[in-house]
Amino acid sequence: MFCVIVLYIIEHNMIYLNLCRFPGFKEVRLVPNRHDIAFVEFENEHQSNTAKLSLNGFKITPNPNTPNT
């Protein structure tokens, strides 16, 4: 799964915590010198697609009190 990260302050742990609950999750890889993308690996394409569909459009904010607009 390819993730576009809009905010620089989004960290590996924030991505991990939102995706590790999905079956087949393996790892999150951040791209060196690129703050705007990450790769998330699952065991197979079906499991990756399930996570993608569940979180498509989901916004991670660094502060839980910040509204997702």
PDB file of N, CA and C in Angstrom:
ATOM      1  N   MET A   1       0.847  -1.156   0.000  1.00  0.00           N
ATOM      2  CA  MET A   1       0.000   0.000   0.000  1.00  0.00           C
ATOM      3  C   MET A   1       0.899   1.228   0.000  1.00  0.00           C
ATOM      4  N   PHE A   2       0.559   2.205  -0.797  1.00  0.00           N
ATOM      5  CA  PHE A   2       1.285   3.458  -0.890  1.00  0.00           C
ATOM      6  C   PHE A   2       0.475   4.512  -0.155  1.00  0.00           C
ATOM      7  N   CYS A   3       1.099   5.222   0.772  1.00  0.00           N
ATOM      8  CA  CYS A   3       0.405   6.241   1.563  1.00  0.00           C
ATOM      9  C   CYS A   3       0.973   7.609   1.249  1.00  0.00           C
ATOM     10  N   VAL A   4       0.088   8.560   1.016  1.00  0.00           N
ATOM     11  CA  VAL A   4       0.501   9.941   0.858  1.00  0.00           C
ATOM     12  C   VAL A   4       0.302  10.621   2.201  1.00  0.00           C
ATOM     13  N   ILE A   5       1.361  11.244   2.694  1.00  0.00           N
ATOM     14  CA  ILE A   5       1.322  11.892   4.004  1.00  0.00           C
ATOM     15  C   ILE A   5       1.401  13.397   3.778  1.00  0.00           C
ATOM     16  N   VAL A   6       0.376  14.095   4.200  1.00  0.00           N
ATOM     17  CA  VAL A   6       0.305  15.525   3.949  1.00  0.00           C
ATOM     18  C   VAL A   6       1.105  16.319   4.978  1.00  0.00           C
ATOM     19  N   LEU A   7       1.086  15.904   6.202  1.00  0.00           N
ATOM     20  CA  LEU A   7       1.765  16.637   7.264  1.00  0.00           C
ATOM     21  C   LEU A   7       3.124  16.035   7.569  1.00  0.00           C
ATOM     22  N   TYR A   8       4.132  16.868   7.665  1.00  0.00           N
ATOM     23  CA  TYR A   8       5.477  16.411   7.976  1.00  0.00           C
ATOM     24  C   TYR A   8       5.569  15.771   9.354  1.00  0.00           C
ATOM     25  N   ILE A   9       4.724  16.209  10.279  1.00  0.00           N
ATOM     26  CA  ILE A   9       4.828  15.750  11.662  1.00  0.00           C
ATOM     27  C   ILE A   9       4.200  14.376  11.904  1.00  0.00           C
ATOM     28  N   ILE A  10       3.623  13.795  10.865  1.00  0.00           N
ATOM     29  CA  ILE A  10       3.106  12.438  11.006  1.00  0.00           C
ATOM     30  C   ILE A  10       4.306  11.499  11.082  1.00  0.00           C
ATOM     31  N   GLU A  11       4.326  10.665  12.076  1.00  0.00           N
ATOM     32  CA  GLU A  11       5.469   9.796  12.310  1.00  0.00           C
ATOM     33  C   GLU A  11       5.120   8.340  12.040  1.00  0.00           C
ATOM     34  N   HIS A  12       6.163   7.540  11.978  1.00  0.00           N
ATOM     35  CA  HIS A  12       6.036   6.103  11.761  1.00  0.00           C
ATOM     36  C   HIS A  12       5.022   5.491  12.719  1.00  0.00           C
ATOM     37  N   ASN A  13       5.109   5.833  14.007  1.00  0.00           N
ATOM     38  CA  ASN A  13       4.220   5.243  15.013  1.00  0.00           C
ATOM     39  C   ASN A  13       2.759   5.575  14.771  1.00  0.00           C
ATOM     40  N   MET A  14       2.481   6.769  14.279  1.00  0.00           N
ATOM     41  CA  MET A  14       1.092   7.152  14.007  1.00  0.00           C
ATOM     42  C   MET A  14       0.506   6.300  12.877  1.00  0.00           C
ATOM     43  N   ILE A  15       1.308   6.059  11.866  1.00  0.00           N
ATOM     44  CA  ILE A  15       0.854   5.210  10.761  1.00  0.00           C
ATOM     45  C   ILE A  15       0.703   3.771  11.251  1.00  0.00           C
ATOM     46  N   TYR A  16       1.715   3.301  11.964  1.00  0.00           N
ATOM     47  CA  TYR A  16       1.707   1.937  12.486  1.00  0.00           C
ATOM     48  C   TYR A  16       0.466   1.672  13.342  1.00  0.00           C
ATOM     49  N   LEU A  17       0.165   2.569  14.268  1.00  0.00           N
ATOM     50  CA  LEU A  17      -0.956   2.362  15.186  1.00  0.00           C
ATOM     51  C   LEU A  17      -2.301   2.289  14.463  1.00  0.00           C
ATOM     52  N   ASN A  18      -2.418   2.958  13.336  1.00  0.00           N
ATOM     53  CA  ASN A  18      -3.670   2.922  12.593  1.00  0.00           C
ATOM     54  C   ASN A  18      -3.787   1.716  11.675  1.00  0.00           C
ATOM     55  N   LEU A  19      -2.683   1.107  11.301  1.00  0.00           N
ATOM     56  CA  LEU A  19      -2.733  -0.005  10.352  1.00  0.00           C
ATOM     57  C   LEU A  19      -2.437  -1.371  10.951  1.00  0.00           C
ATOM     58  N   CYS A  20      -1.783  -1.435  12.088  1.00  0.00           N
ATOM     59  CA  CYS A  20      -1.393  -2.734  12.653  1.00  0.00           C
ATOM     60  C   CYS A  20      -2.590  -3.572  13.074  1.00  0.00           C
ATOM     61  N   ARG A  21      -3.735  -2.972  13.228  1.00  0.00           N
ATOM     62  CA  ARG A  21      -4.933  -3.722  13.652  1.00  0.00           C
ATOM     63  C   ARG A  21      -5.559  -4.531  12.514  1.00  0.00           C
ATOM     64  N   PHE A  22      -5.106  -4.291  11.290  1.00  0.00           N
ATOM     65  CA  PHE A  22      -5.678  -5.004  10.147  1.00  0.00           C
ATOM     66  C   PHE A  22      -4.960  -6.330   9.925  1.00  0.00           C
ATOM     67  N   PRO A  23      -5.718  -7.382   9.604  1.00  0.00           N
ATOM     68  CA  PRO A  23      -5.108  -8.692   9.347  1.00  0.00           C
ATOM     69  C   PRO A  23      -4.080  -8.615   8.225  1.00  0.00           C
ATOM     70  N   GLY A  24      -2.976  -9.316   8.414  1.00  0.00           N
ATOM     71  CA  GLY A  24      -1.950  -9.394   7.394  1.00  0.00           C
ATOM     72  C   GLY A  24      -0.938  -8.268   7.428  1.00  0.00           C
ATOM     73  N   PHE A  25      -1.097  -7.310   8.338  1.00  0.00           N
ATOM     74  CA  PHE A  25      -0.150  -6.199   8.413  1.00  0.00           C
ATOM     75  C   PHE A  25       1.247  -6.723   8.699  1.00  0.00           C
ATOM     76  N   LYS A  26       2.249  -6.192   7.977  1.00  0.00           N
ATOM     77  CA  LYS A  26       3.637  -6.607   8.186  1.00  0.00           C
ATOM     78  C   LYS A  26       4.509  -5.458   8.673  1.00  0.00           C
ATOM     79  N   GLU A  27       4.535  -4.334   7.933  1.00  0.00           N
ATOM     80  CA  GLU A  27       5.421  -3.242   8.334  1.00  0.00           C
ATOM     81  C   GLU A  27       5.070  -1.931   7.642  1.00  0.00           C
ATOM     82  N   VAL A  28       5.603  -0.847   8.210  1.00  0.00           N
ATOM     83  CA  VAL A  28       5.543   0.485   7.618  1.00  0.00           C
ATOM     84  C   VAL A  28       6.971   0.886   7.279  1.00  0.00           C
ATOM     85  N   ARG A  29       7.164   1.377   6.056  1.00  0.00           N
ATOM     86  CA  ARG A  29       8.483   1.871   5.668  1.00  0.00           C
ATOM     87  C   ARG A  29       8.356   3.322   5.213  1.00  0.00           C
ATOM     88  N   LEU A  30       9.079   4.203   5.886  1.00  0.00           N
ATOM     89  CA  LEU A  30       9.140   5.591   5.458  1.00  0.00           C
ATOM     90  C   LEU A  30      10.261   5.728   4.441  1.00  0.00           C
ATOM     91  N   VAL A  31      10.092   6.620   3.499  1.00  0.00           N
ATOM     92  CA  VAL A  31      11.087   6.826   2.458  1.00  0.00           C
ATOM     93  C   VAL A  31      12.088   7.870   2.942  1.00  0.00           C
ATOM     94  N   PRO A  32      13.381   7.539   2.967  1.00  0.00           N
ATOM     95  CA  PRO A  32      14.380   8.508   3.412  1.00  0.00           C
ATOM     96  C   PRO A  32      14.334   9.791   2.583  1.00  0.00           C
ATOM     97  N   ASN A  33      14.444  10.897   3.255  1.00  0.00           N
ATOM     98  CA  ASN A  33      14.447  12.229   2.629  1.00  0.00           C
ATOM     99  C   ASN A  33      13.127  12.595   1.968  1.00  0.00           C
ATOM    100  N   ARG A  34      12.081  11.852   2.261  1.00  0.00           N
ATOM    101  CA  ARG A  34      10.736  12.190   1.759  1.00  0.00           C
ATOM    102  C   ARG A  34       9.785  12.150   2.943  1.00  0.00           C
ATOM    103  N   HIS A  35       9.261  13.275   3.320  1.00  0.00           N
ATOM    104  CA  HIS A  35       8.365  13.331   4.464  1.00  0.00           C
ATOM    105  C   HIS A  35       6.912  13.100   4.076  1.00  0.00           C
ATOM    106  N   ASP A  36       6.639  12.956   2.784  1.00  0.00           N
ATOM    107  CA  ASP A  36       5.257  12.933   2.322  1.00  0.00           C
ATOM    108  C   ASP A  36       4.749  11.569   1.861  1.00  0.00           C
ATOM    109  N   ILE A  37       5.573  10.525   1.929  1.00  0.00           N
ATOM    110  CA  ILE A  37       5.103   9.208   1.490  1.00  0.00           C
ATOM    111  C   ILE A  37       5.613   8.104   2.408  1.00  0.00           C
ATOM    112  N   ALA A  38       4.876   7.003   2.403  1.00  0.00           N
ATOM    113  CA  ALA A  38       5.276   5.808   3.149  1.00  0.00           C
ATOM    114  C   ALA A  38       4.734   4.595   2.406  1.00  0.00           C
ATOM    115  N   PHE A  39       5.348   3.466   2.652  1.00  0.00           N
ATOM    116  CA  PHE A  39       4.871   2.203   2.117  1.00  0.00           C
ATOM    117  C   PHE A  39       4.471   1.320   3.288  1.00  0.00           C
ATOM    118  N   VAL A  40       3.327   0.667   3.151  1.00  0.00           N
ATOM    119  CA  VAL A  40       2.825  -0.227   4.188  1.00  0.00           C
ATOM    120  C   VAL A  40       2.684  -1.600   3.548  1.00  0.00           C
ATOM    121  N   GLU A  41       3.286  -2.600   4.172  1.00  0.00           N
ATOM    122  CA  GLU A  41       3.275  -3.942   3.596  1.00  0.00           C
ATOM    123  C   GLU A  41       2.294  -4.845   4.345  1.00  0.00           C
ATOM    124  N   PHE A  42       1.529  -5.597   3.550  1.00  0.00           N
ATOM    125  CA  PHE A  42       0.612  -6.607   4.061  1.00  0.00           C
ATOM    126  C   PHE A  42       0.996  -7.950   3.453  1.00  0.00           C
ATOM    127  N   GLU A  43       0.461  -9.022   4.008  1.00  0.00           N
ATOM    128  CA  GLU A  43       0.777 -10.366   3.517  1.00  0.00           C
ATOM    129  C   GLU A  43       0.304 -10.581   2.088  1.00  0.00           C
ATOM    130  N   ASN A  44      -0.844  -9.990   1.744  1.00  0.00           N
ATOM    131  CA  ASN A  44      -1.328 -10.161   0.382  1.00  0.00           C
ATOM    132  C   ASN A  44      -2.153  -8.948  -0.048  1.00  0.00           C
ATOM    133  N   GLU A  45      -2.476  -8.920  -1.319  1.00  0.00           N
ATOM    134  CA  GLU A  45      -3.185  -7.780  -1.899  1.00  0.00           C
ATOM    135  C   GLU A  45      -4.593  -7.619  -1.318  1.00  0.00           C
ATOM    136  N   HIS A  46      -5.277  -8.718  -1.056  1.00  0.00           N
ATOM    137  CA  HIS A  46      -6.626  -8.653  -0.493  1.00  0.00           C
ATOM    138  C   HIS A  46      -6.610  -7.948   0.868  1.00  0.00           C
ATOM    139  N   GLN A  47      -5.669  -8.311   1.724  1.00  0.00           N
ATOM    140  CA  GLN A  47      -5.581  -7.696   3.048  1.00  0.00           C
ATOM    141  C   GLN A  47      -5.213  -6.221   2.948  1.00  0.00           C
ATOM    142  N   SER A  48      -4.341  -5.884   2.033  1.00  0.00           N
ATOM    143  CA  SER A  48      -3.974  -4.490   1.807  1.00  0.00           C
ATOM    144  C   SER A  48      -5.179  -3.686   1.327  1.00  0.00           C
ATOM    145  N   ASN A  49      -5.937  -4.264   0.415  1.00  0.00           N
ATOM    146  CA  ASN A  49      -7.118  -3.580  -0.112  1.00  0.00           C
ATOM    147  C   ASN A  49      -8.176  -3.372   0.965  1.00  0.00           C
ATOM    148  N   THR A  50      -8.343  -4.330   1.858  1.00  0.00           N
ATOM    149  CA  THR A  50      -9.297  -4.187   2.959  1.00  0.00           C
ATOM    150  C   THR A  50      -8.924  -3.000   3.842  1.00  0.00           C
ATOM    151  N   ALA A  51      -7.656  -2.888   4.182  1.00  0.00           N
ATOM    152  CA  ALA A  51      -7.192  -1.763   5.004  1.00  0.00           C
ATOM    153  C   ALA A  51      -7.364  -0.450   4.249  1.00  0.00           C
ATOM    154  N   LYS A  52      -7.010  -0.448   2.981  1.00  0.00           N
ATOM    155  CA  LYS A  52      -7.124   0.768   2.174  1.00  0.00           C
ATOM    156  C   LYS A  52      -8.569   1.243   2.098  1.00  0.00           C
ATOM    157  N   LEU A  53      -9.489   0.339   1.842  1.00  0.00           N
ATOM    158  CA  LEU A  53     -10.896   0.718   1.751  1.00  0.00           C
ATOM    159  C   LEU A  53     -11.433   1.214   3.090  1.00  0.00           C
ATOM    160  N   SER A  54     -10.973   0.614   4.170  1.00  0.00           N
ATOM    161  CA  SER A  54     -11.433   1.026   5.502  1.00  0.00           C
ATOM    162  C   SER A  54     -10.920   2.403   5.889  1.00  0.00           C
ATOM    163  N   LEU A  55      -9.717   2.742   5.454  1.00  0.00           N
ATOM    164  CA  LEU A  55      -9.091   3.998   5.874  1.00  0.00           C
ATOM    165  C   LEU A  55      -8.999   5.042   4.774  1.00  0.00           C
ATOM    166  N   ASN A  56      -9.525   4.763   3.599  1.00  0.00           N
ATOM    167  CA  ASN A  56      -9.440   5.719   2.502  1.00  0.00           C
ATOM    168  C   ASN A  56     -10.084   7.041   2.901  1.00  0.00           C
ATOM    169  N   GLY A  57      -9.307   8.105   2.867  1.00  0.00           N
ATOM    170  CA  GLY A  57      -9.797   9.413   3.266  1.00  0.00           C
ATOM    171  C   GLY A  57      -9.641   9.701   4.744  1.00  0.00           C
ATOM    172  N   PHE A  58      -9.233   8.699   5.524  1.00  0.00           N
ATOM    173  CA  PHE A  58      -9.029   8.893   6.963  1.00  0.00           C
ATOM    174  C   PHE A  58      -7.868   9.844   7.177  1.00  0.00           C
ATOM    175  N   LYS A  59      -8.037  10.785   8.098  1.00  0.00           N
ATOM    176  CA  LYS A  59      -6.994  11.768   8.368  1.00  0.00           C
ATOM    177  C   LYS A  59      -6.405  11.520   9.745  1.00  0.00           C
ATOM    178  N   ILE A  60      -5.098  11.445   9.785  1.00  0.00           N
ATOM    179  CA  ILE A  60      -4.376  11.298  11.046  1.00  0.00           C
ATOM    180  C   ILE A  60      -3.921  12.688  11.454  1.00  0.00           C
ATOM    181  N   THR A  61      -4.261  13.080  12.657  1.00  0.00           N
ATOM    182  CA  THR A  61      -3.801  14.379  13.143  1.00  0.00           C
ATOM    183  C   THR A  61      -2.854  14.162  14.304  1.00  0.00           C
ATOM    184  N   PRO A  62      -1.841  15.008  14.436  1.00  0.00           N
ATOM    185  CA  PRO A  62      -0.889  14.842  15.525  1.00  0.00           C
ATOM    186  C   PRO A  62      -1.490  15.107  16.891  1.00  0.00           C
ATOM    187  N   ASN A  63      -2.558  15.855  16.953  1.00  0.00           N
ATOM    188  CA  ASN A  63      -3.228  16.173  18.202  1.00  0.00           C
ATOM    189  C   ASN A  63      -4.651  15.620  18.130  1.00  0.00           C
ATOM    190  N   PRO A  64      -5.043  14.715  19.011  1.00  0.00           N
ATOM    191  CA  PRO A  64      -6.388  14.132  18.926  1.00  0.00           C
ATOM    192  C   PRO A  64      -7.505  15.150  19.066  1.00  0.00           C
ATOM    193  N   ASN A  65      -7.212  16.335  19.596  1.00  0.00           N
ATOM    194  CA  ASN A  65      -8.227  17.375  19.749  1.00  0.00           C
ATOM    195  C   ASN A  65      -8.349  18.256  18.504  1.00  0.00           C
ATOM    196  N   THR A  66      -7.500  18.018  17.505  1.00  0.00           N
ATOM    197  CA  THR A  66      -7.555  18.788  16.266  1.00  0.00           C
ATOM    198  C   THR A  66      -8.599  18.177  15.367  1.00  0.00           C
ATOM    199  N   PRO A  67      -9.550  18.976  14.874  1.00  0.00           N
ATOM    200  CA  PRO A  67     -10.598  18.413  14.007  1.00  0.00           C
ATOM    201  C   PRO A  67     -10.034  17.977  12.655  1.00  0.00           C
ATOM    202  N   ASN A  68     -10.611  16.906  12.104  1.00  0.00           N
ATOM    203  CA  ASN A  68     -10.249  16.414  10.768  1.00  0.00           C
ATOM    204  C   ASN A  68     -11.064  17.165   9.750  1.00  0.00           C
ATOM    205  N   THR A  69     -10.495  18.191   9.165  1.00  0.00           N
ATOM    206  CA  THR A  69     -11.228  18.971   8.156  1.00  0.00           C
ATOM    207  C   THR A  69     -10.645  18.777   6.795  1.00  0.00           C
TER     208      THR A  69
END
